[in-house]
Amino acid sequence: AAWHTLDDGGNPNDPRLQPLLERIAKEETDPRLRQNALDLIAATRKVEDQKEMLLGQKAHTFSGRCDWCGTSNVQVSYDYETEFEANGTKRFALVCEACESV
């Protein structure tokens, strides 16, 4: 693929692209093309690092009261392994980060 097709959107998710960019970064004699490849490799790594960081975060945290320690107005998430029944309805327990790590 021509560089301008990658700059204009191209298909950056093509699995054949990354090995090609790495080969260009190692073997290309034109410094501009080599730098373009290095920039695209760095951008891909940055996106992957951000994705890993986001996957490690809780997806659904909100302010509430922890059912374990009773602390109010803290960031809690659902504990899908524990259910409470109140007034004939069931709900998952809410747990703060401190109680979840115990």
PDB file of N, CA and C in Angstrom:
ATOM      1  N   ALA A   1       0.846  -1.187   0.000  1.00  0.00           N
ATOM      2  CA  ALA A   1       0.000   0.000   0.000  1.00  0.00           C
ATOM      3  C   ALA A   1       0.881   1.236   0.000  1.00  0.00           C
ATOM      4  N   ALA A   2       0.427   2.247  -0.701  1.00  0.00           N
ATOM      5  CA  ALA A   2       1.150   3.513  -0.721  1.00  0.00           C
ATOM      6  C   ALA A   2       0.959   4.219   0.612  1.00  0.00           C
ATOM      7  N   TRP A   3       1.951   5.014   1.006  1.00  0.00           N
ATOM      8  CA  TRP A   3       1.877   5.707   2.291  1.00  0.00           C
ATOM      9  C   TRP A   3       0.653   6.595   2.368  1.00  0.00           C
ATOM     10  N   HIS A   4       0.313   7.260   1.244  1.00  0.00           N
ATOM     11  CA  HIS A   4      -0.832   8.174   1.306  1.00  0.00           C
ATOM     12  C   HIS A   4      -2.128   7.433   1.590  1.00  0.00           C
ATOM     13  N   THR A   5      -2.229   6.158   1.212  1.00  0.00           N
ATOM     14  CA  THR A   5      -3.456   5.425   1.535  1.00  0.00           C
ATOM     15  C   THR A   5      -3.538   5.149   3.024  1.00  0.00           C
ATOM     16  N   LEU A   6      -2.397   4.943   3.674  1.00  0.00           N
ATOM     17  CA  LEU A   6      -2.402   4.757   5.124  1.00  0.00           C
ATOM     18  C   LEU A   6      -2.686   6.076   5.825  1.00  0.00           C
ATOM     19  N   ASP A   7      -2.099   7.164   5.317  1.00  0.00           N
ATOM     20  CA  ASP A   7      -2.335   8.482   5.911  1.00  0.00           C
ATOM     21  C   ASP A   7      -3.789   8.905   5.765  1.00  0.00           C
ATOM     22  N   ASP A   8      -4.441   8.484   4.692  1.00  0.00           N
ATOM     23  CA  ASP A   8      -5.831   8.865   4.438  1.00  0.00           C
ATOM     24  C   ASP A   8      -6.827   7.862   5.001  1.00  0.00           C
ATOM     25  N   GLY A   9      -6.389   6.982   5.835  1.00  0.00           N
ATOM     26  CA  GLY A   9      -7.305   6.010   6.433  1.00  0.00           C
ATOM     27  C   GLY A   9      -6.887   4.604   6.107  1.00  0.00           C
ATOM     28  N   GLY A  10      -6.710   4.302   4.840  1.00  0.00           N
ATOM     29  CA  GLY A  10      -6.251   2.988   4.419  1.00  0.00           C
ATOM     30  C   GLY A  10      -6.950   1.865   5.157  1.00  0.00           C
ATOM     31  N   ASN A  11      -6.227   0.813   5.454  1.00  0.00           N
ATOM     32  CA  ASN A  11      -6.746  -0.290   6.248  1.00  0.00           C
ATOM     33  C   ASN A  11      -5.713  -0.628   7.317  1.00  0.00           C
ATOM     34  N   PRO A  12      -5.652   0.182   8.390  1.00  0.00           N
ATOM     35  CA  PRO A  12      -4.618  -0.039   9.401  1.00  0.00           C
ATOM     36  C   PRO A  12      -4.783  -1.327  10.196  1.00  0.00           C
ATOM     37  N   ASN A  13      -5.932  -1.982  10.093  1.00  0.00           N
ATOM     38  CA  ASN A  13      -6.167  -3.222  10.835  1.00  0.00           C
ATOM     39  C   ASN A  13      -5.805  -4.466  10.035  1.00  0.00           C
ATOM     40  N   ASP A  14      -5.290  -4.277   8.840  1.00  0.00           N
ATOM     41  CA  ASP A  14      -4.889  -5.413   8.020  1.00  0.00           C
ATOM     42  C   ASP A  14      -3.758  -6.156   8.734  1.00  0.00           C
ATOM     43  N   PRO A  15      -3.929  -7.448   9.029  1.00  0.00           N
ATOM     44  CA  PRO A  15      -2.905  -8.189   9.775  1.00  0.00           C
ATOM     45  C   PRO A  15      -1.571  -8.279   9.031  1.00  0.00           C
ATOM     46  N   ARG A  16      -1.576  -8.068   7.730  1.00  0.00           N
ATOM     47  CA  ARG A  16      -0.332  -8.120   6.961  1.00  0.00           C
ATOM     48  C   ARG A  16       0.490  -6.844   7.106  1.00  0.00           C
ATOM     49  N   LEU A  17      -0.111  -5.785   7.641  1.00  0.00           N
ATOM     50  CA  LEU A  17       0.551  -4.486   7.692  1.00  0.00           C
ATOM     51  C   LEU A  17       1.690  -4.439   8.706  1.00  0.00           C
ATOM     52  N   GLN A  18       1.487  -4.942   9.909  1.00  0.00           N
ATOM     53  CA  GLN A  18       2.499  -4.808  10.968  1.00  0.00           C
ATOM     54  C   GLN A  18       3.827  -5.469  10.595  1.00  0.00           C
ATOM     55  N   PRO A  19       3.838  -6.714  10.113  1.00  0.00           N
ATOM     56  CA  PRO A  19       5.128  -7.303   9.710  1.00  0.00           C
ATOM     57  C   PRO A  19       5.797  -6.518   8.574  1.00  0.00           C
ATOM     58  N   LEU A  20       4.994  -5.983   7.671  1.00  0.00           N
ATOM     59  CA  LEU A  20       5.534  -5.183   6.578  1.00  0.00           C
ATOM     60  C   LEU A  20       6.185  -3.912   7.114  1.00  0.00           C
ATOM     61  N   LEU A  21       5.520  -3.241   8.042  1.00  0.00           N
ATOM     62  CA  LEU A  21       6.081  -2.025   8.632  1.00  0.00           C
ATOM     63  C   LEU A  21       7.381  -2.322   9.373  1.00  0.00           C
ATOM     64  N   GLU A  22       7.422  -3.429  10.092  1.00  0.00           N
ATOM     65  CA  GLU A  22       8.637  -3.785  10.827  1.00  0.00           C
ATOM     66  C   GLU A  22       9.791  -4.094   9.874  1.00  0.00           C
ATOM     67  N   ARG A  23       9.487  -4.737   8.765  1.00  0.00           N
ATOM     68  CA  ARG A  23      10.524  -5.015   7.771  1.00  0.00           C
ATOM     69  C   ARG A  23      11.031  -3.713   7.147  1.00  0.00           C
ATOM     70  N   ILE A  24      10.109  -2.799   6.848  1.00  0.00           N
ATOM     71  CA  ILE A  24      10.504  -1.503   6.284  1.00  0.00           C
ATOM     72  C   ILE A  24      11.373  -0.739   7.276  1.00  0.00           C
ATOM     73  N   ALA A  25      10.993  -0.759   8.553  1.00  0.00           N
ATOM     74  CA  ALA A  25      11.758  -0.035   9.574  1.00  0.00           C
ATOM     75  C   ALA A  25      13.186  -0.575   9.694  1.00  0.00           C
ATOM     76  N   LYS A  26      13.383  -1.867   9.436  1.00  0.00           N
ATOM     77  CA  LYS A  26      14.712  -2.469   9.558  1.00  0.00           C
ATOM     78  C   LYS A  26      15.538  -2.342   8.279  1.00  0.00           C
ATOM     79  N   GLU A  27      14.882  -2.498   7.115  1.00  0.00           N
ATOM     80  CA  GLU A  27      15.626  -2.655   5.869  1.00  0.00           C
ATOM     81  C   GLU A  27      15.598  -1.451   4.943  1.00  0.00           C
ATOM     82  N   GLU A  28      14.664  -0.551   5.102  1.00  0.00           N
ATOM     83  CA  GLU A  28      14.509   0.570   4.168  1.00  0.00           C
ATOM     84  C   GLU A  28      15.693   1.528   4.265  1.00  0.00           C
ATOM     85  N   THR A  29      16.189   1.961   3.095  1.00  0.00           N
ATOM     86  CA  THR A  29      17.313   2.899   3.074  1.00  0.00           C
ATOM     87  C   THR A  29      16.850   4.350   3.049  1.00  0.00           C
ATOM     88  N   ASP A  30      15.648   4.602   2.590  1.00  0.00           N
ATOM     89  CA  ASP A  30      15.118   5.976   2.563  1.00  0.00           C
ATOM     90  C   ASP A  30      14.710   6.370   3.984  1.00  0.00           C
ATOM     91  N   PRO A  31      15.357   7.388   4.562  1.00  0.00           N
ATOM     92  CA  PRO A  31      15.060   7.750   5.951  1.00  0.00           C
ATOM     93  C   PRO A  31      13.615   8.201   6.171  1.00  0.00           C
ATOM     94  N   ARG A  32      13.019   8.831   5.168  1.00  0.00           N
ATOM     95  CA  ARG A  32      11.627   9.294   5.314  1.00  0.00           C
ATOM     96  C   ARG A  32      10.668   8.113   5.406  1.00  0.00           C
ATOM     97  N   LEU A  33      10.852   7.130   4.537  1.00  0.00           N
ATOM     98  CA  LEU A  33       9.992   5.943   4.573  1.00  0.00           C
ATOM     99  C   LEU A  33      10.204   5.157   5.865  1.00  0.00           C
ATOM    100  N   ARG A  34      11.471   5.052   6.281  1.00  0.00           N
ATOM    101  CA  ARG A  34      11.769   4.344   7.527  1.00  0.00           C
ATOM    102  C   ARG A  34      11.100   5.047   8.716  1.00  0.00           C
ATOM    103  N   GLN A  35      11.150   6.388   8.734  1.00  0.00           N
ATOM    104  CA  GLN A  35      10.521   7.131   9.825  1.00  0.00           C
ATOM    105  C   GLN A  35       9.004   6.978   9.793  1.00  0.00           C
ATOM    106  N   ASN A  36       8.412   6.966   8.594  1.00  0.00           N
ATOM    107  CA  ASN A  36       6.962   6.738   8.485  1.00  0.00           C
ATOM    108  C   ASN A  36       6.588   5.391   9.094  1.00  0.00           C
ATOM    109  N   ALA A  37       7.379   4.372   8.796  1.00  0.00           N
ATOM    110  CA  ALA A  37       7.106   3.039   9.347  1.00  0.00           C
ATOM    111  C   ALA A  37       7.245   3.049  10.861  1.00  0.00           C
ATOM    112  N   LEU A  38       8.307   3.685  11.366  1.00  0.00           N
ATOM    113  CA  LEU A  38       8.506   3.752  12.820  1.00  0.00           C
ATOM    114  C   LEU A  38       7.368   4.504  13.503  1.00  0.00           C
ATOM    115  N   ASP A  39       6.885   5.580  12.877  1.00  0.00           N
ATOM    116  CA  ASP A  39       5.770   6.346  13.448  1.00  0.00           C
ATOM    117  C   ASP A  39       4.499   5.504  13.521  1.00  0.00           C
ATOM    118  N   LEU A  40       4.228   4.745  12.459  1.00  0.00           N
ATOM    119  CA  LEU A  40       3.031   3.900  12.453  1.00  0.00           C
ATOM    120  C   LEU A  40       3.148   2.759  13.465  1.00  0.00           C
ATOM    121  N   ILE A  41       4.334   2.194  13.609  1.00  0.00           N
ATOM    122  CA  ILE A  41       4.548   1.142  14.612  1.00  0.00           C
ATOM    123  C   ILE A  41       4.323   1.704  16.008  1.00  0.00           C
ATOM    124  N   ALA A  42       4.866   2.899  16.273  1.00  0.00           N
ATOM    125  CA  ALA A  42       4.698   3.526  17.589  1.00  0.00           C
ATOM    126  C   ALA A  42       3.234   3.837  17.866  1.00  0.00           C
ATOM    127  N   ALA A  43       2.505   4.302  16.855  1.00  0.00           N
ATOM    128  CA  ALA A  43       1.084   4.612  17.038  1.00  0.00           C
ATOM    129  C   ALA A  43       0.295   3.348  17.357  1.00  0.00           C
ATOM    130  N   THR A  44       0.625   2.250  16.686  1.00  0.00           N
ATOM    131  CA  THR A  44      -0.050   0.980  16.944  1.00  0.00           C
ATOM    132  C   THR A  44       0.228   0.500  18.362  1.00  0.00           C
ATOM    133  N   ARG A  45       1.476   0.615  18.803  1.00  0.00           N
ATOM    134  CA  ARG A  45       1.824   0.198  20.168  1.00  0.00           C
ATOM    135  C   ARG A  45       1.114   1.058  21.204  1.00  0.00           C
ATOM    136  N   LYS A  46       0.997   2.349  20.927  1.00  0.00           N
ATOM    137  CA  LYS A  46       0.318   3.251  21.862  1.00  0.00           C
ATOM    138  C   LYS A  46      -1.146   2.849  22.020  1.00  0.00           C
ATOM    139  N   VAL A  47      -1.800   2.535  20.904  1.00  0.00           N
ATOM    140  CA  VAL A  47      -3.200   2.109  20.951  1.00  0.00           C
ATOM    141  C   VAL A  47      -3.329   0.804  21.724  1.00  0.00           C
ATOM    142  N   GLU A  48      -2.418  -0.135  21.493  1.00  0.00           N
ATOM    143  CA  GLU A  48      -2.459  -1.413  22.210  1.00  0.00           C
ATOM    144  C   GLU A  48      -2.244  -1.213  23.707  1.00  0.00           C
ATOM    145  N   ASP A  49      -1.309  -0.335  24.069  1.00  0.00           N
ATOM    146  CA  ASP A  49      -1.065  -0.051  25.489  1.00  0.00           C
ATOM    147  C   ASP A  49      -2.288   0.573  26.145  1.00  0.00           C
ATOM    148  N   GLN A  50      -2.936   1.505  25.437  1.00  0.00           N
ATOM    149  CA  GLN A  50      -4.142   2.136  25.974  1.00  0.00           C
ATOM    150  C   GLN A  50      -5.262   1.119  26.125  1.00  0.00           C
ATOM    151  N   LYS A  51      -5.358   0.213  25.162  1.00  0.00           N
ATOM    152  CA  LYS A  51      -6.393  -0.821  25.231  1.00  0.00           C
ATOM    153  C   LYS A  51      -6.171  -1.718  26.443  1.00  0.00           C
ATOM    154  N   GLU A  52      -4.933  -2.111  26.691  1.00  0.00           N
ATOM    155  CA  GLU A  52      -4.617  -2.935  27.858  1.00  0.00           C
ATOM    156  C   GLU A  52      -4.946  -2.210  29.156  1.00  0.00           C
ATOM    157  N   MET A  53      -4.634  -0.911  29.199  1.00  0.00           N
ATOM    158  CA  MET A  53      -4.913  -0.130  30.400  1.00  0.00           C
ATOM    159  C   MET A  53      -6.422  -0.057  30.650  1.00  0.00           C
ATOM    160  N   LEU A  54      -7.194   0.165  29.585  1.00  0.00           N
ATOM    161  CA  LEU A  54      -8.645   0.254  29.737  1.00  0.00           C
ATOM    162  C   LEU A  54      -9.260  -1.084  30.122  1.00  0.00           C
ATOM    163  N   LEU A  55      -8.722  -2.166  29.596  1.00  0.00           N
ATOM    164  CA  LEU A  55      -9.252  -3.484  29.947  1.00  0.00           C
ATOM    165  C   LEU A  55      -9.027  -3.802  31.414  1.00  0.00           C
ATOM    166  N   GLY A  56      -7.985  -3.231  31.999  1.00  0.00           N
ATOM    167  CA  GLY A  56      -7.697  -3.457  33.405  1.00  0.00           C
ATOM    168  C   GLY A  56      -8.569  -2.647  34.347  1.00  0.00           C
ATOM    169  N   GLN A  57      -9.280  -1.666  33.807  1.00  0.00           N
ATOM    170  CA  GLN A  57     -10.133  -0.835  34.650  1.00  0.00           C
ATOM    171  C   GLN A  57     -11.512  -1.459  34.798  1.00  0.00           C
ATOM    172  N   LYS A  58     -12.199  -1.064  35.857  1.00  0.00           N
ATOM    173  CA  LYS A  58     -13.587  -1.479  36.031  1.00  0.00           C
ATOM    174  C   LYS A  58     -14.437  -0.779  34.979  1.00  0.00           C
ATOM    175  N   ALA A  59     -15.294  -1.518  34.331  1.00  0.00           N
ATOM    176  CA  ALA A  59     -16.115  -0.934  33.284  1.00  0.00           C
ATOM    177  C   ALA A  59     -17.268  -0.116  33.852  1.00  0.00           C
ATOM    178  N   HIS A  60     -17.829  -0.552  34.951  1.00  0.00           N
ATOM    179  CA  HIS A  60     -19.030   0.101  35.464  1.00  0.00           C
ATOM    180  C   HIS A  60     -18.865   0.436  36.937  1.00  0.00           C
ATOM    181  N   THR A  61     -18.193   1.521  37.219  1.00  0.00           N
ATOM    182  CA  THR A  61     -18.119   1.989  38.595  1.00  0.00           C
ATOM    183  C   THR A  61     -18.967   3.239  38.710  1.00  0.00           C
ATOM    184  N   PHE A  62     -19.519   3.430  39.865  1.00  0.00           N
ATOM    185  CA  PHE A  62     -20.363   4.595  40.112  1.00  0.00           C
ATOM    186  C   PHE A  62     -20.348   4.882  41.602  1.00  0.00           C
ATOM    187  N   SER A  63     -20.853   6.031  41.974  1.00  0.00           N
ATOM    188  CA  SER A  63     -20.866   6.428  43.377  1.00  0.00           C
ATOM    189  C   SER A  63     -22.044   5.760  44.082  1.00  0.00           C
ATOM    190  N   GLY A  64     -21.782   5.185  45.243  1.00  0.00           N
ATOM    191  CA  GLY A  64     -22.844   4.509  45.986  1.00  0.00           C
ATOM    192  C   GLY A  64     -22.377   4.097  47.366  1.00  0.00           C
ATOM    193  N   ARG A  65     -23.124   3.175  47.971  1.00  0.00           N
ATOM    194  CA  ARG A  65     -22.820   2.689  49.319  1.00  0.00           C
ATOM    195  C   ARG A  65     -22.366   1.244  49.225  1.00  0.00           C
ATOM    196  N   CYS A  66     -21.216   0.949  49.803  1.00  0.00           N
ATOM    197  CA  CYS A  66     -20.667  -0.407  49.791  1.00  0.00           C
ATOM    198  C   CYS A  66     -21.493  -1.283  50.725  1.00  0.00           C
ATOM    199  N   ASP A  67     -21.953  -2.421  50.215  1.00  0.00           N
ATOM    200  CA  ASP A  67     -22.732  -3.347  51.040  1.00  0.00           C
ATOM    201  C   ASP A  67     -21.865  -4.080  52.054  1.00  0.00           C
ATOM    202  N   TRP A  68     -20.559  -4.101  51.901  1.00  0.00           N
ATOM    203  CA  TRP A  68     -19.691  -4.832  52.808  1.00  0.00           C
ATOM    204  C   TRP A  68     -19.240  -3.982  53.988  1.00  0.00           C
ATOM    205  N   CYS A  69     -18.726  -2.775  53.733  1.00  0.00           N
ATOM    206  CA  CYS A  69     -18.216  -1.960  54.845  1.00  0.00           C
ATOM    207  C   CYS A  69     -19.181  -0.853  55.249  1.00  0.00           C
ATOM    208  N   GLY A  70     -20.189  -0.582  54.420  1.00  0.00           N
ATOM    209  CA  GLY A  70     -21.190   0.424  54.750  1.00  0.00           C
ATOM    210  C   GLY A  70     -20.793   1.851  54.430  1.00  0.00           C
ATOM    211  N   THR A  71     -19.616   2.053  53.855  1.00  0.00           N
ATOM    212  CA  THR A  71     -19.176   3.398  53.514  1.00  0.00           C
ATOM    213  C   THR A  71     -20.039   3.955  52.391  1.00  0.00           C
ATOM    214  N   SER A  72     -20.515   5.187  52.585  1.00  0.00           N
ATOM    215  CA  SER A  72     -21.366   5.836  51.582  1.00  0.00           C
ATOM    216  C   SER A  72     -20.547   6.764  50.696  1.00  0.00           C
ATOM    217  N   ASN A  73     -21.096   7.058  49.547  1.00  0.00           N
ATOM    218  CA  ASN A  73     -20.530   8.013  48.596  1.00  0.00           C
ATOM    219  C   ASN A  73     -19.097   7.640  48.196  1.00  0.00           C
ATOM    220  N   VAL A  74     -18.884   6.361  47.874  1.00  0.00           N
ATOM    221  CA  VAL A  74     -17.594   5.877  47.368  1.00  0.00           C
ATOM    222  C   VAL A  74     -17.832   5.232  46.007  1.00  0.00           C
ATOM    223  N   GLN A  75     -16.767   5.044  45.247  1.00  0.00           N
ATOM    224  CA  GLN A  75     -16.882   4.354  43.969  1.00  0.00           C
ATOM    225  C   GLN A  75     -17.117   2.871  44.231  1.00  0.00           C
ATOM    226  N   VAL A  76     -18.212   2.348  43.715  1.00  0.00           N
ATOM    227  CA  VAL A  76     -18.565   0.943  43.893  1.00  0.00           C
ATOM    228  C   VAL A  76     -18.816   0.305  42.532  1.00  0.00           C
ATOM    229  N   SER A  77     -18.782  -1.007  42.516  1.00  0.00           N
ATOM    230  CA  SER A  77     -19.159  -1.767  41.334  1.00  0.00           C
ATOM    231  C   SER A  77     -19.972  -2.965  41.802  1.00  0.00           C
ATOM    232  N   TYR A  78     -20.619  -3.633  40.860  1.00  0.00           N
ATOM    233  CA  TYR A  78     -21.439  -4.784  41.220  1.00  0.00           C
ATOM    234  C   TYR A  78     -20.563  -5.997  41.517  1.00  0.00           C
ATOM    235  N   ASP A  79     -20.901  -6.717  42.572  1.00  0.00           N
ATOM    236  CA  ASP A  79     -20.290  -8.002  42.895  1.00  0.00           C
ATOM    237  C   ASP A  79     -21.258  -9.054  42.364  1.00  0.00           C
ATOM    238  N   TYR A  80     -20.964  -9.573  41.181  1.00  0.00           N
ATOM    239  CA  TYR A  80     -21.893 -10.477  40.505  1.00  0.00           C
ATOM    240  C   TYR A  80     -21.972 -11.860  41.148  1.00  0.00           C
ATOM    241  N   GLU A  81     -21.152 -12.120  42.156  1.00  0.00           N
ATOM    242  CA  GLU A  81     -21.192 -13.411  42.837  1.00  0.00           C
ATOM    243  C   GLU A  81     -22.065 -13.376  44.086  1.00  0.00           C
ATOM    244  N   THR A  82     -22.531 -12.181  44.483  1.00  0.00           N
ATOM    245  CA  THR A  82     -23.321 -12.043  45.705  1.00  0.00           C
ATOM    246  C   THR A  82     -24.622 -11.320  45.394  1.00  0.00           C
ATOM    247  N   GLU A  83     -25.746 -11.940  45.782  1.00  0.00           N
ATOM    248  CA  GLU A  83     -27.059 -11.317  45.579  1.00  0.00           C
ATOM    249  C   GLU A  83     -27.694 -11.011  46.925  1.00  0.00           C
ATOM    250  N   PHE A  84     -28.426  -9.911  46.971  1.00  0.00           N
ATOM    251  CA  PHE A  84     -29.226  -9.550  48.133  1.00  0.00           C
ATOM    252  C   PHE A  84     -30.684  -9.567  47.717  1.00  0.00           C
ATOM    253  N   GLU A  85     -31.548  -9.961  48.649  1.00  0.00           N
ATOM    254  CA  GLU A  85     -32.982  -9.912  48.382  1.00  0.00           C
ATOM    255  C   GLU A  85     -33.598  -8.935  49.367  1.00  0.00           C
ATOM    256  N   ALA A  86     -34.332  -7.974  48.827  1.00  0.00           N
ATOM    257  CA  ALA A  86     -34.999  -6.971  49.666  1.00  0.00           C
ATOM    258  C   ALA A  86     -36.346  -6.648  49.043  1.00  0.00           C
ATOM    259  N   ASN A  87     -37.387  -6.697  49.859  1.00  0.00           N
ATOM    260  CA  ASN A  87     -38.749  -6.398  49.398  1.00  0.00           C
ATOM    261  C   ASN A  87     -39.147  -7.234  48.191  1.00  0.00           C
ATOM    262  N   GLY A  88     -38.732  -8.479  48.176  1.00  0.00           N
ATOM    263  CA  GLY A  88     -39.132  -9.387  47.110  1.00  0.00           C
ATOM    264  C   GLY A  88     -38.349  -9.234  45.819  1.00  0.00           C
ATOM    265  N   THR A  89     -37.365  -8.365  45.785  1.00  0.00           N
ATOM    266  CA  THR A  89     -36.539  -8.220  44.581  1.00  0.00           C
ATOM    267  C   THR A  89     -35.093  -8.559  44.916  1.00  0.00           C
ATOM    268  N   LYS A  90     -34.391  -9.086  43.932  1.00  0.00           N
ATOM    269  CA  LYS A  90     -32.985  -9.430  44.109  1.00  0.00           C
ATOM    270  C   LYS A  90     -32.128  -8.401  43.386  1.00  0.00           C
ATOM    271  N   ARG A  91     -30.958  -8.143  43.963  1.00  0.00           N
ATOM    272  CA  ARG A  91     -29.982  -7.290  43.296  1.00  0.00           C
ATOM    273  C   ARG A  91     -28.590  -7.784  43.660  1.00  0.00           C
ATOM    274  N   PHE A  92     -27.628  -7.466  42.818  1.00  0.00           N
ATOM    275  CA  PHE A  92     -26.243  -7.809  43.107  1.00  0.00           C
ATOM    276  C   PHE A  92     -25.702  -6.861  44.161  1.00  0.00           C
ATOM    277  N   ALA A  93     -24.770  -7.362  44.954  1.00  0.00           N
ATOM    278  CA  ALA A  93     -24.143  -6.543  45.992  1.00  0.00           C
ATOM    279  C   ALA A  93     -23.291  -5.458  45.346  1.00  0.00           C
ATOM    280  N   LEU A  94     -23.145  -4.348  46.069  1.00  0.00           N
ATOM    281  CA  LEU A  94     -22.254  -3.274  45.655  1.00  0.00           C
ATOM    282  C   LEU A  94     -21.015  -3.340  46.527  1.00  0.00           C
ATOM    283  N   VAL A  95     -19.843  -3.263  45.913  1.00  0.00           N
ATOM    284  CA  VAL A  95     -18.596  -3.399  46.657  1.00  0.00           C
ATOM    285  C   VAL A  95     -17.629  -2.288  46.248  1.00  0.00           C
ATOM    286  N   CYS A  96     -16.967  -1.707  47.267  1.00  0.00           N
ATOM    287  CA  CYS A  96     -15.957  -0.683  46.993  1.00  0.00           C
ATOM    288  C   CYS A  96     -14.621  -1.370  46.698  1.00  0.00           C
ATOM    289  N   GLU A  97     -13.670  -0.605  46.211  1.00  0.00           N
ATOM    290  CA  GLU A  97     -12.374  -1.169  45.839  1.00  0.00           C
ATOM    291  C   GLU A  97     -11.635  -1.747  47.046  1.00  0.00           C
ATOM    292  N   ALA A  98     -11.738  -1.084  48.197  1.00  0.00           N
ATOM    293  CA  ALA A  98     -11.050  -1.568  49.402  1.00  0.00           C
ATOM    294  C   ALA A  98     -11.573  -2.935  49.823  1.00  0.00           C
ATOM    295  N   CYS A  99     -12.889  -3.115  49.800  1.00  0.00           N
ATOM    296  CA  CYS A  99     -13.475  -4.401  50.205  1.00  0.00           C
ATOM    297  C   CYS A  99     -13.256  -5.472  49.145  1.00  0.00           C
ATOM    298  N   GLU A 100     -13.226  -5.080  47.900  1.00  0.00           N
ATOM    299  CA  GLU A 100     -13.047  -6.045  46.827  1.00  0.00           C
ATOM    300  C   GLU A 100     -11.651  -6.666  46.870  1.00  0.00           C
ATOM    301  N   SER A 101     -10.670  -5.917  47.333  1.00  0.00           N
ATOM    302  CA  SER A 101      -9.299  -6.422  47.353  1.00  0.00           C
ATOM    303  C   SER A 101      -9.008  -7.296  48.571  1.00  0.00           C
ATOM    304  N   VAL A 102      -9.968  -7.412  49.509  1.00  0.00           N
ATOM    305  CA  VAL A 102      -9.763  -8.229  50.718  1.00  0.00           C
ATOM    306  C   VAL A 102     -10.035  -9.679  50.408  1.00  0.00           C
TER     307      VAL A 102
END
